[in-house]
N, C-alpha and C. Protein backbone atom coordinates (compact mmCIF):
# COMPACT_ATOMS: atom_id res chain seq x y z
N UNK A 1 90.61 88.33 70.96
CA UNK A 1 90.13 86.88 70.85
C UNK A 1 90.17 86.93 73.20
N UNK A 2 88.26 86.96 73.64
CA UNK A 2 89.06 86.96 74.77
C UNK A 2 89.05 85.75 75.27
N UNK A 3 89.63 85.04 76.65
CA UNK A 3 90.26 83.76 77.49
C UNK A 3 89.45 84.24 78.15
N UNK A 4 88.43 82.63 78.15
CA UNK A 4 87.75 82.39 79.70
C UNK A 4 88.79 82.60 81.48
N UNK A 5 90.25 81.71 80.83
CA UNK A 5 90.38 81.51 81.89
C UNK A 5 91.63 82.47 82.49
N UNK A 6 91.15 83.50 81.70
CA UNK A 6 92.24 85.48 81.95
C UNK A 6 90.56 85.93 82.60
N UNK A 7 89.22 86.04 83.03
CA UNK A 7 88.42 86.22 83.25
C UNK A 7 88.02 87.15 82.58
N UNK A 8 88.09 87.60 80.75
CA UNK A 8 87.95 88.49 79.89
C UNK A 8 86.87 87.81 79.45
N UNK A 9 85.96 89.09 78.52
CA UNK A 9 85.03 88.95 77.82
C UNK A 9 85.43 89.56 76.33
N UNK A 10 84.52 89.13 75.63
CA UNK A 10 85.29 90.36 74.41
C UNK A 10 83.63 91.33 73.95
N UNK A 11 84.49 92.03 74.39
CA UNK A 11 83.49 93.09 74.14
C UNK A 11 83.45 94.01 72.49
N UNK A 12 82.94 94.44 72.13
CA UNK A 12 82.48 95.17 70.93
C UNK A 12 82.55 95.90 70.88
N UNK A 13 83.30 97.51 70.11
CA UNK A 13 82.63 98.51 71.14
C UNK A 13 82.96 99.10 68.98
N UNK A 14 82.31 100.49 68.82
CA UNK A 14 82.32 100.38 67.76
C UNK A 14 83.37 99.59 66.43
N UNK A 15 81.92 98.60 65.93
CA UNK A 15 83.26 97.83 64.48
C UNK A 15 85.12 96.94 65.91
N UNK A 16 84.95 97.63 67.09
CA UNK A 16 86.01 96.96 66.86
C UNK A 16 85.96 95.65 68.58
N UNK A 17 86.77 94.75 68.42
CA UNK A 17 86.76 93.25 70.01
C UNK A 17 87.86 94.21 70.56
N UNK A 18 87.54 94.04 71.61
CA UNK A 18 88.10 93.85 73.41
C UNK A 18 88.32 92.19 74.27
N UNK A 19 89.57 92.52 74.99
CA UNK A 19 89.49 90.99 75.30
C UNK A 19 88.94 91.60 77.26
N UNK A 20 87.92 92.76 77.63
CA UNK A 20 87.30 93.39 78.44
C UNK A 20 87.01 92.13 79.12
N UNK A 21 88.15 93.38 80.58
CA UNK A 21 88.89 92.22 82.03
C UNK A 21 88.32 93.05 83.12
N UNK A 22 87.24 91.97 84.53
CA UNK A 22 87.94 93.22 85.30
C UNK A 22 88.89 93.13 86.95
N UNK A 23 89.97 93.03 86.52
CA UNK A 23 91.30 93.88 87.10
C UNK A 23 90.79 94.35 88.40
N UNK A 24 92.18 93.65 89.41
CA UNK A 24 92.28 94.45 90.28
C UNK A 24 91.54 96.19 90.45
N UNK A 25 92.77 97.13 89.34
CA UNK A 25 93.08 98.11 88.85
C UNK A 25 91.68 98.68 89.13
N UNK A 26 90.41 97.41 87.41
CA UNK A 26 89.66 98.29 86.83
C UNK A 26 88.38 97.61 88.01
N UNK A 27 88.89 97.09 89.10
CA UNK A 27 87.56 97.27 90.39
C UNK A 27 87.37 98.22 91.18
N UNK A 28 88.94 98.79 91.75
CA UNK A 28 89.28 99.89 92.44
C UNK A 28 88.31 101.45 91.26
N UNK A 29 88.36 101.06 89.99
CA UNK A 29 88.68 102.40 89.44
C UNK A 29 87.00 102.34 89.09
N UNK A 30 86.19 101.61 88.76
CA UNK A 30 84.97 101.53 89.42
C UNK A 30 84.13 101.93 90.83
N UNK A 31 85.12 101.14 91.71
CA UNK A 31 84.15 102.15 93.29
C UNK A 31 84.35 103.49 92.69
N UNK A 32 86.01 104.00 92.77
CA UNK A 32 85.92 105.75 91.90
C UNK A 32 84.96 106.03 91.45
N UNK A 33 84.65 105.66 90.25
CA UNK A 33 83.59 106.81 89.75
C UNK A 33 82.06 106.27 89.85
N UNK A 34 81.48 105.01 90.74
CA UNK A 34 80.66 104.92 90.83
C UNK A 34 80.06 104.58 92.40
N UNK A 35 81.53 105.32 93.14
CA UNK A 35 81.33 105.88 95.20
C UNK A 35 80.08 105.14 95.46
N UNK A 36 80.67 104.53 95.08
CA UNK A 36 80.08 102.43 96.70
C UNK A 36 80.54 102.31 97.29
N UNK A 37 80.20 101.70 98.72
CA UNK A 37 81.02 101.41 99.52
C UNK A 37 81.34 100.09 99.71
N UNK A 38 80.99 99.41 99.26
CA UNK A 38 81.20 97.96 99.33
C UNK A 38 81.05 97.36 97.75
N UNK A 39 82.19 96.47 97.57
CA UNK A 39 81.83 96.46 95.66
C UNK A 39 80.42 94.44 96.72
N UNK A 40 80.96 94.13 97.63
CA UNK A 40 79.72 93.09 98.06
C UNK A 40 78.56 93.41 97.24
N UNK A 41 78.33 93.84 97.33
CA UNK A 41 76.65 95.18 97.74
C UNK A 41 77.14 95.25 96.51
N UNK A 42 77.19 95.66 95.58
CA UNK A 42 77.30 96.32 94.31
C UNK A 42 76.93 95.22 93.12
N UNK A 43 78.15 94.11 93.46
CA UNK A 43 77.30 93.08 92.94
C UNK A 43 76.07 92.46 93.48
N UNK A 44 75.71 92.21 94.38
CA UNK A 44 74.50 91.62 94.88
C UNK A 44 73.58 92.72 93.85
N UNK A 45 73.43 94.35 94.34
CA UNK A 45 72.49 94.68 93.64
C UNK A 45 72.35 94.31 91.80
N UNK A 46 73.21 94.07 91.74
CA UNK A 46 73.06 93.01 89.95
C UNK A 46 72.53 92.27 89.58
N UNK A 47 73.08 91.02 90.71
CA UNK A 47 72.74 89.49 91.30
C UNK A 47 70.64 89.70 91.05
N UNK A 48 70.33 91.04 92.06
CA UNK A 48 68.76 91.63 92.83
C UNK A 48 68.73 91.53 91.32
N UNK A 49 68.87 93.06 90.12
CA UNK A 49 68.62 92.99 89.06
C UNK A 49 68.49 94.88 89.75
N UNK A 50 68.98 95.48 90.45
CA UNK A 50 68.94 96.50 90.88
C UNK A 50 70.67 97.87 90.79
N UNK A 51 69.86 98.18 89.75
CA UNK A 51 71.40 98.63 89.10
C UNK A 51 70.68 99.40 88.13
N UNK A 52 71.86 100.58 87.09
CA UNK A 52 71.02 101.65 86.32
C UNK A 52 71.66 101.45 85.48
N UNK A 53 71.42 102.69 84.56
CA UNK A 53 72.99 102.38 83.07
C UNK A 53 73.75 102.88 83.25
N UNK A 54 74.13 103.86 84.34
CA UNK A 54 74.94 104.32 84.22
C UNK A 54 75.93 103.38 85.45
N UNK A 55 75.81 103.00 85.78
CA UNK A 55 76.23 100.88 86.60
C UNK A 55 76.74 100.49 85.51
N UNK A 56 75.54 100.77 84.17
CA UNK A 56 76.44 99.53 83.33
C UNK A 56 77.49 100.52 82.73
N UNK A 57 77.50 101.05 82.22
CA UNK A 57 78.29 101.74 82.32
C UNK A 57 79.86 101.64 82.48
N UNK A 58 79.58 101.66 83.02
CA UNK A 58 80.80 101.68 84.31
C UNK A 58 81.63 100.77 84.31
N UNK A 59 80.45 99.56 84.07
CA UNK A 59 81.33 99.10 84.13
C UNK A 59 81.83 97.94 82.80
N UNK A 60 80.79 98.78 81.82
CA UNK A 60 82.21 98.06 81.10
C UNK A 60 82.90 99.70 80.33
N UNK A 61 82.92 100.28 80.51
CA UNK A 61 83.89 100.99 80.47
C UNK A 61 85.13 100.77 81.28
N UNK A 62 85.86 100.73 82.55
CA UNK A 62 86.63 99.71 83.39
C UNK A 62 87.30 98.46 82.71
N UNK A 63 85.98 98.20 82.12
CA UNK A 63 86.62 96.38 81.49
C UNK A 63 87.06 96.81 80.93
N UNK A 64 86.14 97.67 79.68
CA UNK A 64 86.91 97.73 78.15
C UNK A 64 88.91 98.46 78.56
N UNK A 65 89.06 99.06 78.89
CA UNK A 65 90.03 99.92 79.42
C UNK A 65 90.78 98.24 79.84
N UNK A 66 91.38 98.36 80.76
CA UNK A 66 92.05 97.12 80.99
C UNK A 66 92.27 95.75 80.46
N UNK A 67 91.57 96.36 78.91
CA UNK A 67 91.47 95.52 77.66
C UNK A 67 92.32 95.51 76.48
N UNK A 68 92.29 97.43 76.72
CA UNK A 68 92.76 97.63 75.28
C UNK A 68 92.63 99.04 74.80
N UNK A 69 91.01 99.41 74.80
CA UNK A 69 90.63 100.52 74.58
C UNK A 69 91.01 101.38 75.03
N UNK A 70 90.84 102.39 74.24
CA UNK A 70 91.98 103.89 75.16
C UNK A 70 90.93 105.28 75.07
N UNK A 71 89.41 105.16 74.94
CA UNK A 71 88.36 105.74 74.91
C UNK A 71 88.33 106.54 75.81
N UNK A 72 87.51 107.41 76.15
CA UNK A 72 86.91 108.30 77.45
C UNK A 72 85.49 107.90 77.60
N UNK A 73 85.10 107.74 79.11
CA UNK A 73 83.62 108.14 79.61
C UNK A 73 82.63 107.93 78.97
N UNK A 74 83.56 109.61 78.82
CA UNK A 74 81.93 110.48 77.47
C UNK A 74 82.18 109.57 76.06
N UNK A 75 83.69 108.83 74.80
CA UNK A 75 83.02 108.25 73.75
C UNK A 75 82.79 107.05 74.10
N UNK A 76 82.33 105.85 75.77
CA UNK A 76 81.76 104.97 75.55
C UNK A 76 80.06 104.71 75.25
N UNK A 77 79.94 106.45 76.09
CA UNK A 77 78.01 106.81 75.79
C UNK A 77 77.57 106.94 74.94
N UNK A 78 78.33 107.39 73.81
CA UNK A 78 77.76 107.23 72.42
C UNK A 78 79.15 106.08 71.79
N UNK A 79 79.19 105.41 71.67
CA UNK A 79 80.02 104.44 71.29
C UNK A 79 78.72 103.04 70.85
N UNK A 80 79.08 102.86 69.80
CA UNK A 80 78.32 101.27 69.10
C UNK A 80 78.94 100.39 69.56
N UNK A 81 77.91 99.64 71.10
CA UNK A 81 77.92 97.81 71.08
C UNK A 81 76.78 97.38 69.86
N UNK A 82 77.18 96.17 69.74
CA UNK A 82 76.04 95.79 68.15
C UNK A 82 74.71 94.60 69.96
N UNK A 83 73.20 94.81 68.89
CA UNK A 83 73.23 94.84 70.34
C UNK A 83 72.21 96.01 71.37
N UNK A 84 72.42 96.79 71.35
CA UNK A 84 72.17 97.76 72.47
C UNK A 84 72.18 97.87 73.89
N UNK A 85 71.29 98.17 74.38
CA UNK A 85 71.31 98.28 75.87
C UNK A 85 70.81 97.67 76.20
N UNK A 86 70.15 96.22 76.36
CA UNK A 86 70.48 94.83 76.67
C UNK A 86 71.38 93.63 76.53
N UNK A 87 72.24 94.36 75.12
CA UNK A 87 73.77 93.48 75.33
C UNK A 87 74.72 93.72 75.63
N UNK A 88 74.44 94.96 76.10
CA UNK A 88 75.31 95.47 77.22
C UNK A 88 75.31 95.61 78.68
N UNK A 89 74.16 95.76 78.99
CA UNK A 89 73.83 94.21 80.26
C UNK A 89 74.11 93.50 80.63
N UNK A 90 74.08 92.55 78.98
CA UNK A 90 74.48 90.99 79.83
C UNK A 90 76.18 91.68 80.03
N UNK A 91 76.74 91.87 78.59
CA UNK A 91 77.62 92.10 79.04
C UNK A 91 79.07 92.47 79.60
N UNK A 92 77.87 93.43 80.83
CA UNK A 92 78.21 94.00 81.90
C UNK A 92 78.24 92.42 82.85
N UNK A 93 77.25 92.10 83.19
CA UNK A 93 76.76 91.13 84.02
C UNK A 93 77.65 90.12 83.74
N UNK A 94 78.24 89.06 82.29
CA UNK A 94 78.97 89.02 81.63
C UNK A 94 80.69 89.09 82.73
N UNK A 95 80.75 89.88 83.02
CA UNK A 95 82.65 90.92 83.58
C UNK A 95 82.17 90.28 84.80
N UNK A 96 81.69 90.56 86.39
CA UNK A 96 81.13 90.70 86.51
C UNK A 96 81.53 89.27 86.86
N UNK A 97 80.38 89.05 86.40
CA UNK A 97 79.83 86.87 86.62
C UNK A 97 82.53 86.31 86.32
N UNK A 98 83.08 86.26 85.07
CA UNK A 98 84.15 86.37 85.10
C UNK A 98 84.58 86.72 86.56
N UNK A 99 84.93 87.85 86.44
CA UNK A 99 85.49 88.51 87.57
C UNK A 99 85.45 87.55 88.84
N UNK A 100 84.43 87.00 89.15
CA UNK A 100 83.93 85.98 91.16
C UNK A 100 84.24 84.66 90.39
N UNK A 101 84.10 84.38 89.87
CA UNK A 101 84.45 82.26 88.91
C UNK A 101 85.12 82.21 88.46
N UNK A 102 85.06 81.03 88.47
CA UNK A 102 86.10 80.49 87.74
C UNK A 102 85.49 80.27 86.16
N UNK A 103 86.27 79.89 84.72
CA UNK A 103 85.28 79.52 83.63
C UNK A 103 84.63 78.69 83.84
N UNK A 104 83.71 78.36 82.97
CA UNK A 104 82.47 77.53 83.67
C UNK A 104 81.09 77.69 84.25
N UNK A 105 81.51 78.69 85.91
CA UNK A 105 80.51 78.09 86.79
C UNK A 105 79.86 79.30 86.42
N UNK A 106 78.76 79.48 86.76
CA UNK A 106 77.58 80.38 85.97
C UNK A 106 77.71 81.78 85.12
N UNK A 107 77.97 80.70 84.08
CA UNK A 107 77.53 80.89 82.75
C UNK A 107 77.12 81.27 82.22
N UNK A 108 76.94 83.19 82.46
CA UNK A 108 75.47 83.68 80.99
C UNK A 108 75.51 83.56 80.41
């Protein structure tokens, strides 16, 4: 079960739920994976709905790994996430909100 006080978001991948979270290490991995220069600009792009499917997948990938998922990026791309692309996008947004706010602030 995900703990919002630990900035966790429940993420189901192929029928198993993980307490996904954007730790500092996950954020560094996200920067490396997507090669963006500013975390603030990346988050702002999500706020302004200027993001790609790769951005969504990358957020889910690093957060799932931080929550104990053992797959690689390619495995995530072919994994079943309930609700499909729309739900995956909502989870990515929820992870960004959870990482940069206190529980209960700006809930998605």
